[in-house]
mmCIF file of all heavy atoms, coordinates in Angstrom:
data_MODEL
# 
_entry.id   MODEL 
# 
loop_
_atom_site.group_PDB 
_atom_site.id 
_atom_site.type_symbol 
_atom_site.label_atom_id 
_atom_site.label_alt_id 
_atom_site.label_comp_id 
_atom_site.label_asym_id 
_atom_site.label_entity_id 
_atom_site.label_seq_id 
_atom_site.pdbx_PDB_ins_code 
_atom_site.Cartn_x 
_atom_site.Cartn_y 
_atom_site.Cartn_z 
_atom_site.occupancy 
_atom_site.B_iso_or_equiv 
_atom_site.pdbx_formal_charge 
_atom_site.auth_seq_id 
_atom_site.auth_comp_id 
_atom_site.auth_asym_id 
_atom_site.auth_atom_id 
_atom_site.pdbx_PDB_model_num 
ATOM 1   N N   . LEU A 1 1  ? 0.853  -1.190 0.001  1.00 0.00 ? 1  LEU A N   1 
ATOM 2   C CA  . LEU A 1 1  ? 0.000  0.000  0.000  1.00 0.00 ? 1  LEU A CA  1 
ATOM 3   C C   . LEU A 1 1  ? 0.891  1.241  -0.001 1.00 0.00 ? 1  LEU A C   1 
ATOM 4   O O   . LEU A 1 1  ? 1.954  1.251  0.616  1.00 0.00 ? 1  LEU A O   1 
ATOM 5   C CB  . LEU A 1 1  ? -0.923 0.008  1.217  1.00 0.00 ? 1  LEU A CB  1 
ATOM 6   C CG  . LEU A 1 1  ? -1.909 -1.160 1.312  1.00 0.00 ? 1  LEU A CG  1 
ATOM 7   C CD1 . LEU A 1 1  ? -2.689 -1.103 2.620  1.00 0.00 ? 1  LEU A CD1 1 
ATOM 8   C CD2 . LEU A 1 1  ? -2.858 -1.157 0.121  1.00 0.00 ? 1  LEU A CD2 1 
ATOM 9   N N   . LYS A 1 2  ? 0.448  2.284  -0.685 1.00 0.00 ? 2  LYS A N   1 
ATOM 10  C CA  . LYS A 1 2  ? 1.265  3.482  -0.878 1.00 0.00 ? 2  LYS A CA  1 
ATOM 11  C C   . LYS A 1 2  ? 0.662  4.693  -0.184 1.00 0.00 ? 2  LYS A C   1 
ATOM 12  O O   . LYS A 1 2  ? -0.546 4.786  0.006  1.00 0.00 ? 2  LYS A O   1 
ATOM 13  C CB  . LYS A 1 2  ? 1.421  3.786  -2.373 1.00 0.00 ? 2  LYS A CB  1 
ATOM 14  C CG  . LYS A 1 2  ? 2.001  2.636  -3.188 1.00 0.00 ? 2  LYS A CG  1 
ATOM 15  C CD  . LYS A 1 2  ? 3.418  2.357  -2.798 1.00 0.00 ? 2  LYS A CD  1 
ATOM 16  C CE  . LYS A 1 2  ? 4.011  1.229  -3.615 1.00 0.00 ? 2  LYS A CE  1 
ATOM 17  N NZ  . LYS A 1 2  ? 5.292  0.798  -3.091 1.00 0.00 ? 2  LYS A NZ  1 
ATOM 18  N N   . ASN A 1 3  ? 1.520  5.638  0.166  1.00 0.00 ? 3  ASN A N   1 
ATOM 19  C CA  . ASN A 1 3  ? 1.108  6.905  0.755  1.00 0.00 ? 3  ASN A CA  1 
ATOM 20  C C   . ASN A 1 3  ? 0.641  7.835  -0.359 1.00 0.00 ? 3  ASN A C   1 
ATOM 21  O O   . ASN A 1 3  ? 1.380  8.694  -0.835 1.00 0.00 ? 3  ASN A O   1 
ATOM 22  C CB  . ASN A 1 3  ? 2.268  7.529  1.546  1.00 0.00 ? 3  ASN A CB  1 
ATOM 23  C CG  . ASN A 1 3  ? 2.443  6.885  2.895  1.00 0.00 ? 3  ASN A CG  1 
ATOM 24  O OD1 . ASN A 1 3  ? 1.718  7.187  3.838  1.00 0.00 ? 3  ASN A OD1 1 
ATOM 25  N ND2 . ASN A 1 3  ? 3.388  5.973  2.985  1.00 0.00 ? 3  ASN A ND2 1 
ATOM 26  N N   . VAL A 1 4  ? -0.581 7.609  -0.795 1.00 0.00 ? 4  VAL A N   1 
ATOM 27  C CA  . VAL A 1 4  ? -1.195 8.415  -1.846 1.00 0.00 ? 4  VAL A CA  1 
ATOM 28  C C   . VAL A 1 4  ? -2.346 9.199  -1.245 1.00 0.00 ? 4  VAL A C   1 
ATOM 29  O O   . VAL A 1 4  ? -2.770 8.957  -0.108 1.00 0.00 ? 4  VAL A O   1 
ATOM 30  C CB  . VAL A 1 4  ? -1.697 7.538  -3.022 1.00 0.00 ? 4  VAL A CB  1 
ATOM 31  C CG1 . VAL A 1 4  ? -0.529 6.848  -3.721 1.00 0.00 ? 4  VAL A CG1 1 
ATOM 32  C CG2 . VAL A 1 4  ? -2.716 6.517  -2.550 1.00 0.00 ? 4  VAL A CG2 1 
ATOM 33  N N   . ARG A 1 5  ? -2.878 10.146 -2.008 1.00 0.00 ? 5  ARG A N   1 
ATOM 34  C CA  . ARG A 1 5  ? -3.989 10.968 -1.540 1.00 0.00 ? 5  ARG A CA  1 
ATOM 35  C C   . ARG A 1 5  ? -5.119 10.079 -1.012 1.00 0.00 ? 5  ARG A C   1 
ATOM 36  O O   . ARG A 1 5  ? -5.559 9.159  -1.678 1.00 0.00 ? 5  ARG A O   1 
ATOM 37  C CB  . ARG A 1 5  ? -4.494 11.838 -2.689 1.00 0.00 ? 5  ARG A CB  1 
ATOM 38  C CG  . ARG A 1 5  ? -5.704 12.678 -2.327 1.00 0.00 ? 5  ARG A CG  1 
ATOM 39  C CD  . ARG A 1 5  ? -6.057 13.657 -3.460 1.00 0.00 ? 5  ARG A CD  1 
ATOM 40  N NE  . ARG A 1 5  ? -7.417 14.149 -3.343 1.00 0.00 ? 5  ARG A NE  1 
ATOM 41  C CZ  . ARG A 1 5  ? -7.818 15.090 -2.489 1.00 0.00 ? 5  ARG A CZ  1 
ATOM 42  N NH1 . ARG A 1 5  ? -6.949 15.633 -1.657 1.00 0.00 ? 5  ARG A NH1 1 
ATOM 43  N NH2 . ARG A 1 5  ? -9.075 15.487 -2.449 1.00 0.00 ? 5  ARG A NH2 1 
ATOM 44  N N   . GLY A 1 6  ? -5.551 10.370 0.203  1.00 0.00 ? 6  GLY A N   1 
ATOM 45  C CA  . GLY A 1 6  ? -6.652 9.636  0.814  1.00 0.00 ? 6  GLY A CA  1 
ATOM 46  C C   . GLY A 1 6  ? -6.235 8.405  1.601  1.00 0.00 ? 6  GLY A C   1 
ATOM 47  O O   . GLY A 1 6  ? -7.069 7.817  2.287  1.00 0.00 ? 6  GLY A O   1 
ATOM 48  N N   . SER A 1 7  ? -4.976 8.023  1.535  1.00 0.00 ? 7  SER A N   1 
ATOM 49  C CA  . SER A 1 7  ? -4.553 6.850  2.304  1.00 0.00 ? 7  SER A CA  1 
ATOM 50  C C   . SER A 1 7  ? -4.389 7.223  3.776  1.00 0.00 ? 7  SER A C   1 
ATOM 51  O O   . SER A 1 7  ? -4.093 8.368  4.124  1.00 0.00 ? 7  SER A O   1 
ATOM 52  C CB  . SER A 1 7  ? -3.250 6.256  1.751  1.00 0.00 ? 7  SER A CB  1 
ATOM 53  O OG  . SER A 1 7  ? -2.203 7.191  1.814  1.00 0.00 ? 7  SER A OG  1 
ATOM 54  N N   . VAL A 1 8  ? -4.621 6.237  4.645  1.00 0.00 ? 8  VAL A N   1 
ATOM 55  C CA  . VAL A 1 8  ? -4.520 6.405  6.095  1.00 0.00 ? 8  VAL A CA  1 
ATOM 56  C C   . VAL A 1 8  ? -3.290 5.630  6.550  1.00 0.00 ? 8  VAL A C   1 
ATOM 57  O O   . VAL A 1 8  ? -3.129 4.452  6.206  1.00 0.00 ? 8  VAL A O   1 
ATOM 58  C CB  . VAL A 1 8  ? -5.782 5.866  6.812  1.00 0.00 ? 8  VAL A CB  1 
ATOM 59  C CG1 . VAL A 1 8  ? -5.687 6.098  8.313  1.00 0.00 ? 8  VAL A CG1 1 
ATOM 60  C CG2 . VAL A 1 8  ? -7.039 6.498  6.233  1.00 0.00 ? 8  VAL A CG2 1 
ATOM 61  N N   . ALA A 1 9  ? -2.406 6.294  7.296  1.00 0.00 ? 9  ALA A N   1 
ATOM 62  C CA  . ALA A 1 9  ? -1.146 5.676  7.698  1.00 0.00 ? 9  ALA A CA  1 
ATOM 63  C C   . ALA A 1 9  ? -0.870 5.919  9.178  1.00 0.00 ? 9  ALA A C   1 
ATOM 64  O O   . ALA A 1 9  ? -1.422 6.835  9.788  1.00 0.00 ? 9  ALA A O   1 
ATOM 65  C CB  . ALA A 1 9  ? 0.003  6.238  6.856  1.00 0.00 ? 9  ALA A CB  1 
ATOM 66  N N   . MET A 1 10 ? -0.005 5.083  9.729  1.00 0.00 ? 10 MET A N   1 
ATOM 67  C CA  . MET A 1 10 ? 0.405  5.224  11.116 1.00 0.00 ? 10 MET A CA  1 
ATOM 68  C C   . MET A 1 10 ? 1.499  6.275  11.233 1.00 0.00 ? 10 MET A C   1 
ATOM 69  O O   . MET A 1 10 ? 2.449  6.278  10.448 1.00 0.00 ? 10 MET A O   1 
ATOM 70  C CB  . MET A 1 10 ? 0.950  3.892  11.663 1.00 0.00 ? 10 MET A CB  1 
ATOM 71  C CG  . MET A 1 10 ? -0.065 2.768  11.775 1.00 0.00 ? 10 MET A CG  1 
ATOM 72  S SD  . MET A 1 10 ? -1.521 3.143  12.778 1.00 0.00 ? 10 MET A SD  1 
ATOM 73  C CE  . MET A 1 10 ? -0.811 3.544  14.363 1.00 0.00 ? 10 MET A CE  1 
ATOM 74  N N   . ALA A 1 11 ? 1.357  7.179  12.198 1.00 0.00 ? 11 ALA A N   1 
ATOM 75  C CA  . ALA A 1 11 ? 2.421  8.120  12.530 1.00 0.00 ? 11 ALA A CA  1 
ATOM 76  C C   . ALA A 1 11 ? 3.384  7.405  13.472 1.00 0.00 ? 11 ALA A C   1 
ATOM 77  O O   . ALA A 1 11 ? 2.993  6.476  14.176 1.00 0.00 ? 11 ALA A O   1 
ATOM 78  C CB  . ALA A 1 11 ? 1.843  9.364  13.191 1.00 0.00 ? 11 ALA A CB  1 
ATOM 79  N N   . ARG A 1 12 ? 4.623  7.834  13.457 1.00 0.00 ? 12 ARG A N   1 
ATOM 80  C CA  . ARG A 1 12 ? 5.636  7.206  14.312 1.00 0.00 ? 12 ARG A CA  1 
ATOM 81  C C   . ARG A 1 12 ? 6.775  8.180  14.551 1.00 0.00 ? 12 ARG A C   1 
ATOM 82  O O   . ARG A 1 12 ? 6.824  9.254  13.968 1.00 0.00 ? 12 ARG A O   1 
ATOM 83  C CB  . ARG A 1 12 ? 6.155  5.922  13.662 1.00 0.00 ? 12 ARG A CB  1 
ATOM 84  C CG  . ARG A 1 12 ? 6.837  6.147  12.311 1.00 0.00 ? 12 ARG A CG  1 
ATOM 85  C CD  . ARG A 1 12 ? 7.498  4.880  11.814 1.00 0.00 ? 12 ARG A CD  1 
ATOM 86  N NE  . ARG A 1 12 ? 8.055  4.973  10.488 1.00 0.00 ? 12 ARG A NE  1 
ATOM 87  C CZ  . ARG A 1 12 ? 9.208  5.564  10.169 1.00 0.00 ? 12 ARG A CZ  1 
ATOM 88  N NH1 . ARG A 1 12 ? 9.916  6.161  11.102 1.00 0.00 ? 12 ARG A NH1 1 
ATOM 89  N NH2 . ARG A 1 12 ? 9.647  5.570  8.925  1.00 0.00 ? 12 ARG A NH2 1 
ATOM 90  N N   . THR A 1 13 ? 7.717  7.778  15.402 1.00 0.00 ? 13 THR A N   1 
ATOM 91  C CA  . THR A 1 13 ? 8.938  8.549  15.612 1.00 0.00 ? 13 THR A CA  1 
ATOM 92  C C   . THR A 1 13 ? 9.966  8.090  14.581 1.00 0.00 ? 13 THR A C   1 
ATOM 93  O O   . THR A 1 13 ? 9.618  7.377  13.629 1.00 0.00 ? 13 THR A O   1 
ATOM 94  C CB  . THR A 1 13 ? 9.487  8.320  17.037 1.00 0.00 ? 13 THR A CB  1 
ATOM 95  O OG1 . THR A 1 13 ? 9.905  6.949  17.143 1.00 0.00 ? 13 THR A OG1 1 
ATOM 96  C CG2 . THR A 1 13 ? 8.444  8.618  18.106 1.00 0.00 ? 13 THR A CG2 1 
ATOM 97  N N   . ASN A 1 14 ? 11.225 8.441  14.790 1.00 0.00 ? 14 ASN A N   1 
ATOM 98  C CA  . ASN A 1 14 ? 12.283 7.973  13.881 1.00 0.00 ? 14 ASN A CA  1 
ATOM 99  C C   . ASN A 1 14 ? 12.477 6.468  13.941 1.00 0.00 ? 14 ASN A C   1 
ATOM 100 O O   . ASN A 1 14 ? 13.046 5.882  13.034 1.00 0.00 ? 14 ASN A O   1 
ATOM 101 C CB  . ASN A 1 14 ? 13.601 8.692  14.176 1.00 0.00 ? 14 ASN A CB  1 
ATOM 102 C CG  . ASN A 1 14 ? 13.568 10.130 13.714 1.00 0.00 ? 14 ASN A CG  1 
ATOM 103 O OD1 . ASN A 1 14 ? 12.847 10.483 12.782 1.00 0.00 ? 14 ASN A OD1 1 
ATOM 104 N ND2 . ASN A 1 14 ? 14.336 10.988 14.377 1.00 0.00 ? 14 ASN A ND2 1 
ATOM 105 N N   . ASP A 1 15 ? 12.014 5.844  15.015 1.00 0.00 ? 15 ASP A N   1 
ATOM 106 C CA  . ASP A 1 15 ? 12.071 4.387  15.138 1.00 0.00 ? 15 ASP A CA  1 
ATOM 107 C C   . ASP A 1 15 ? 10.945 3.802  14.285 1.00 0.00 ? 15 ASP A C   1 
ATOM 108 O O   . ASP A 1 15 ? 9.766  4.066  14.557 1.00 0.00 ? 15 ASP A O   1 
ATOM 109 C CB  . ASP A 1 15 ? 11.903 3.985  16.604 1.00 0.00 ? 15 ASP A CB  1 
ATOM 110 C CG  . ASP A 1 15 ? 11.863 2.477  16.820 1.00 0.00 ? 15 ASP A CG  1 
ATOM 111 O OD1 . ASP A 1 15 ? 11.864 1.703  15.833 1.00 0.00 ? 15 ASP A OD1 1 
ATOM 112 O OD2 . ASP A 1 15 ? 11.818 2.070  17.990 1.00 0.00 ? 15 ASP A OD2 1 
ATOM 113 N N   . PRO A 1 16 ? 11.264 3.018  13.247 1.00 0.00 ? 16 PRO A N   1 
ATOM 114 C CA  . PRO A 1 16 ? 10.222 2.482  12.369 1.00 0.00 ? 16 PRO A CA  1 
ATOM 115 C C   . PRO A 1 16 ? 9.164  1.649  13.088 1.00 0.00 ? 16 PRO A C   1 
ATOM 116 O O   . PRO A 1 16 ? 8.033  1.538  12.612 1.00 0.00 ? 16 PRO A O   1 
ATOM 117 C CB  . PRO A 1 16 ? 10.999 1.608  11.378 1.00 0.00 ? 16 PRO A CB  1 
ATOM 118 C CG  . PRO A 1 16 ? 12.390 2.124  11.418 1.00 0.00 ? 16 PRO A CG  1 
ATOM 119 C CD  . PRO A 1 16 ? 12.607 2.638  12.815 1.00 0.00 ? 16 PRO A CD  1 
ATOM 120 N N   . ASP A 1 17 ? 9.514  1.070  14.236 1.00 0.00 ? 17 ASP A N   1 
ATOM 121 C CA  . ASP A 1 17 ? 8.591  0.206  14.970 1.00 0.00 ? 17 ASP A CA  1 
ATOM 122 C C   . ASP A 1 17 ? 8.000  0.909  16.199 1.00 0.00 ? 17 ASP A C   1 
ATOM 123 O O   . ASP A 1 17 ? 7.771  0.293  17.237 1.00 0.00 ? 17 ASP A O   1 
ATOM 124 C CB  . ASP A 1 17 ? 9.311  -1.083 15.402 1.00 0.00 ? 17 ASP A CB  1 
ATOM 125 C CG  . ASP A 1 17 ? 9.810  -1.889 14.222 1.00 0.00 ? 17 ASP A CG  1 
ATOM 126 O OD1 . ASP A 1 17 ? 9.128  -1.909 13.185 1.00 0.00 ? 17 ASP A OD1 1 
ATOM 127 O OD2 . ASP A 1 17 ? 10.888 -2.502 14.334 1.00 0.00 ? 17 ASP A OD2 1 
ATOM 128 N N   . SER A 1 18 ? 7.714  2.211  16.081 1.00 0.00 ? 18 SER A N   1 
ATOM 129 C CA  . SER A 1 18 ? 7.244  2.981  17.236 1.00 0.00 ? 18 SER A CA  1 
ATOM 130 C C   . SER A 1 18 ? 5.801  3.475  17.119 1.00 0.00 ? 18 SER A C   1 
ATOM 131 O O   . SER A 1 18 ? 5.325  4.189  17.995 1.00 0.00 ? 18 SER A O   1 
ATOM 132 C CB  . SER A 1 18 ? 8.165  4.188  17.454 1.00 0.00 ? 18 SER A CB  1 
ATOM 133 O OG  . SER A 1 18 ? 8.095  5.057  16.333 1.00 0.00 ? 18 SER A OG  1 
ATOM 134 N N   . ALA A 1 19 ? 5.083  3.113  16.050 1.00 0.00 ? 19 ALA A N   1 
ATOM 135 C CA  . ALA A 1 19 ? 3.699  3.589  15.878 1.00 0.00 ? 19 ALA A CA  1 
ATOM 136 C C   . ALA A 1 19 ? 2.834  3.098  17.033 1.00 0.00 ? 19 ALA A C   1 
ATOM 137 O O   . ALA A 1 19 ? 2.948  1.944  17.461 1.00 0.00 ? 19 ALA A O   1 
ATOM 138 C CB  . ALA A 1 19 ? 3.131  3.108  14.548 1.00 0.00 ? 19 ALA A CB  1 
ATOM 139 N N   . MET A 1 20 ? 1.957  3.994  17.506 1.00 0.00 ? 20 MET A N   1 
ATOM 140 C CA  . MET A 1 20 ? 1.036  3.610  18.574 1.00 0.00 ? 20 MET A CA  1 
ATOM 141 C C   . MET A 1 20 ? -0.373 4.050  18.220 1.00 0.00 ? 20 MET A C   1 
ATOM 142 O O   . MET A 1 20 ? -1.051 3.364  17.480 1.00 0.00 ? 20 MET A O   1 
ATOM 143 C CB  . MET A 1 20 ? 1.513  4.141  19.918 1.00 0.00 ? 20 MET A CB  1 
ATOM 144 C CG  . MET A 1 20 ? 2.820  3.453  20.354 1.00 0.00 ? 20 MET A CG  1 
ATOM 145 S SD  . MET A 1 20 ? 3.361  3.799  22.002 1.00 0.00 ? 20 MET A SD  1 
ATOM 146 C CE  . MET A 1 20 ? 2.223  2.885  22.991 1.00 0.00 ? 20 MET A CE  1 
ATOM 147 N N   . ALA A 1 21 ? -0.822 5.207  18.699 1.00 0.00 ? 21 ALA A N   1 
ATOM 148 C CA  . ALA A 1 21 ? -2.207 5.625  18.473 1.00 0.00 ? 21 ALA A CA  1 
ATOM 149 C C   . ALA A 1 21 ? -2.340 6.699  17.393 1.00 0.00 ? 21 ALA A C   1 
ATOM 150 O O   . ALA A 1 21 ? -3.401 6.855  16.807 1.00 0.00 ? 21 ALA A O   1 
ATOM 151 C CB  . ALA A 1 21 ? -2.821 6.145  19.772 1.00 0.00 ? 21 ALA A CB  1 
ATOM 152 N N   . GLN A 1 22 ? -1.277 7.452  17.133 1.00 0.00 ? 22 GLN A N   1 
ATOM 153 C CA  . GLN A 1 22 ? -1.395 8.550  16.177 1.00 0.00 ? 22 GLN A CA  1 
ATOM 154 C C   . GLN A 1 22 ? -1.409 8.036  14.740 1.00 0.00 ? 22 GLN A C   1 
ATOM 155 O O   . GLN A 1 22 ? -0.715 7.076  14.396 1.00 0.00 ? 22 GLN A O   1 
ATOM 156 C CB  . GLN A 1 22 ? -0.260 9.548  16.368 1.00 0.00 ? 22 GLN A CB  1 
ATOM 157 C CG  . GLN A 1 22 ? -0.377 10.297 17.683 1.00 0.00 ? 22 GLN A CG  1 
ATOM 158 C CD  . GLN A 1 22 ? 0.587  11.446 17.779 1.00 0.00 ? 22 GLN A CD  1 
ATOM 159 O OE1 . GLN A 1 22 ? 0.837  12.138 16.792 1.00 0.00 ? 22 GLN A OE1 1 
ATOM 160 N NE2 . GLN A 1 22 ? 1.135  11.660 18.978 1.00 0.00 ? 22 GLN A NE2 1 
ATOM 161 N N   . PHE A 1 23 ? -2.214 8.716  13.919 1.00 0.00 ? 23 PHE A N   1 
ATOM 162 C CA  . PHE A 1 23 ? -2.354 8.354  12.510 1.00 0.00 ? 23 PHE A CA  1 
ATOM 163 C C   . PHE A 1 23 ? -2.445 9.616  11.684 1.00 0.00 ? 23 PHE A C   1 
ATOM 164 O O   . PHE A 1 23 ? -2.644 10.713 12.226 1.00 0.00 ? 23 PHE A O   1 
ATOM 165 C CB  . PHE A 1 23 ? -3.603 7.487  12.298 1.00 0.00 ? 23 PHE A CB  1 
ATOM 166 C CG  . PHE A 1 23 ? -4.896 8.220  12.549 1.00 0.00 ? 23 PHE A CG  1 
ATOM 167 C CD1 . PHE A 1 23 ? -5.617 8.779  11.498 1.00 0.00 ? 23 PHE A CD1 1 
ATOM 168 C CD2 . PHE A 1 23 ? -5.396 8.374  13.838 1.00 0.00 ? 23 PHE A CD2 1 
ATOM 169 C CE1 . PHE A 1 23 ? -6.800 9.468  11.725 1.00 0.00 ? 23 PHE A CE1 1 
ATOM 170 C CE2 . PHE A 1 23 ? -6.588 9.060  14.075 1.00 0.00 ? 23 PHE A CE2 1 
ATOM 171 C CZ  . PHE A 1 23 ? -7.288 9.608  13.019 1.00 0.00 ? 23 PHE A CZ  1 
ATOM 172 N N   . PHE A 1 24 ? -2.285 9.477  10.374 1.00 0.00 ? 24 PHE A N   1 
ATOM 173 C CA  . PHE A 1 24 ? -2.459 10.621 9.502  1.00 0.00 ? 24 PHE A CA  1 
ATOM 174 C C   . PHE A 1 24 ? -3.158 10.200 8.217  1.00 0.00 ? 24 PHE A C   1 
ATOM 175 O O   . PHE A 1 24 ? -3.150 9.026  7.843  1.00 0.00 ? 24 PHE A O   1 
ATOM 176 C CB  . PHE A 1 24 ? -1.135 11.347 9.216  1.00 0.00 ? 24 PHE A CB  1 
ATOM 177 C CG  . PHE A 1 24 ? -0.091 10.527 8.498  1.00 0.00 ? 24 PHE A CG  1 
ATOM 178 C CD1 . PHE A 1 24 ? 0.027  10.571 7.110  1.00 0.00 ? 24 PHE A CD1 1 
ATOM 179 C CD2 . PHE A 1 24 ? 0.813  9.747  9.212  1.00 0.00 ? 24 PHE A CD2 1 
ATOM 180 C CE1 . PHE A 1 24 ? 1.012  9.845  6.449  1.00 0.00 ? 24 PHE A CE1 1 
ATOM 181 C CE2 . PHE A 1 24 ? 1.807  9.016  8.567  1.00 0.00 ? 24 PHE A CE2 1 
ATOM 182 C CZ  . PHE A 1 24 ? 1.905  9.064  7.175  1.00 0.00 ? 24 PHE A CZ  1 
ATOM 183 N N   . ILE A 1 25 ? -3.780 11.197 7.582  1.00 0.00 ? 25 ILE A N   1 
ATOM 184 C CA  . ILE A 1 25 ? -4.432 10.998 6.294  1.00 0.00 ? 25 ILE A CA  1 
ATOM 185 C C   . ILE A 1 25 ? -3.671 11.856 5.295  1.00 0.00 ? 25 ILE A C   1 
ATOM 186 O O   . ILE A 1 25 ? -3.520 13.077 5.492  1.00 0.00 ? 25 ILE A O   1 
ATOM 187 C CB  . ILE A 1 25 ? -5.917 11.408 6.337  1.00 0.00 ? 25 ILE A CB  1 
ATOM 188 C CG1 . ILE A 1 25 ? -6.676 10.581 7.380  1.00 0.00 ? 25 ILE A CG1 1 
ATOM 189 C CG2 . ILE A 1 25 ? -6.550 11.257 4.946  1.00 0.00 ? 25 ILE A CG2 1 
ATOM 190 C CD1 . ILE A 1 25 ? -8.111 11.041 7.632  1.00 0.00 ? 25 ILE A CD1 1 
ATOM 191 N N   . ASN A 1 26 ? -3.167 11.225 4.246  1.00 0.00 ? 26 ASN A N   1 
ATOM 192 C CA  . ASN A 1 26 ? -2.446 11.944 3.209  1.00 0.00 ? 26 ASN A CA  1 
ATOM 193 C C   . ASN A 1 26 ? -3.417 12.784 2.398  1.00 0.00 ? 26 ASN A C   1 
ATOM 194 O O   . ASN A 1 26 ? -4.395 12.265 1.860  1.00 0.00 ? 26 ASN A O   1 
ATOM 195 C CB  . ASN A 1 26 ? -1.722 10.961 2.287  1.00 0.00 ? 26 ASN A CB  1 
ATOM 196 C CG  . ASN A 1 26 ? -0.528 10.305 2.942  1.00 0.00 ? 26 ASN A CG  1 
ATOM 197 O OD1 . ASN A 1 26 ? 0.488  10.939 3.147  1.00 0.00 ? 26 ASN A OD1 1 
ATOM 198 N ND2 . ASN A 1 26 ? -0.659 9.022  3.279  1.00 0.00 ? 26 ASN A ND2 1 
ATOM 199 N N   . SER A 1 27 ? -3.147 14.087 2.278  1.00 0.00 ? 27 SER A N   1 
ATOM 200 C CA  . SER A 1 27 ? -4.017 14.947 1.478  1.00 0.00 ? 27 SER A CA  1 
ATOM 201 C C   . SER A 1 27 ? -3.526 15.050 0.031  1.00 0.00 ? 27 SER A C   1 
ATOM 202 O O   . SER A 1 27 ? -4.238 15.559 -0.827 1.00 0.00 ? 27 SER A O   1 
ATOM 203 C CB  . SER A 1 27 ? -4.139 16.338 2.105  1.00 0.00 ? 27 SER A CB  1 
ATOM 204 O OG  . SER A 1 27 ? -2.878 16.923 2.277  1.00 0.00 ? 27 SER A OG  1 
# 
């Protein structure tokens, strides 16, 4: 899956395995 317009992704820190509750929607 790609970070394209309308996709929903996990936010994280610089650590790739750090995603928790934050998310973002690519505009």
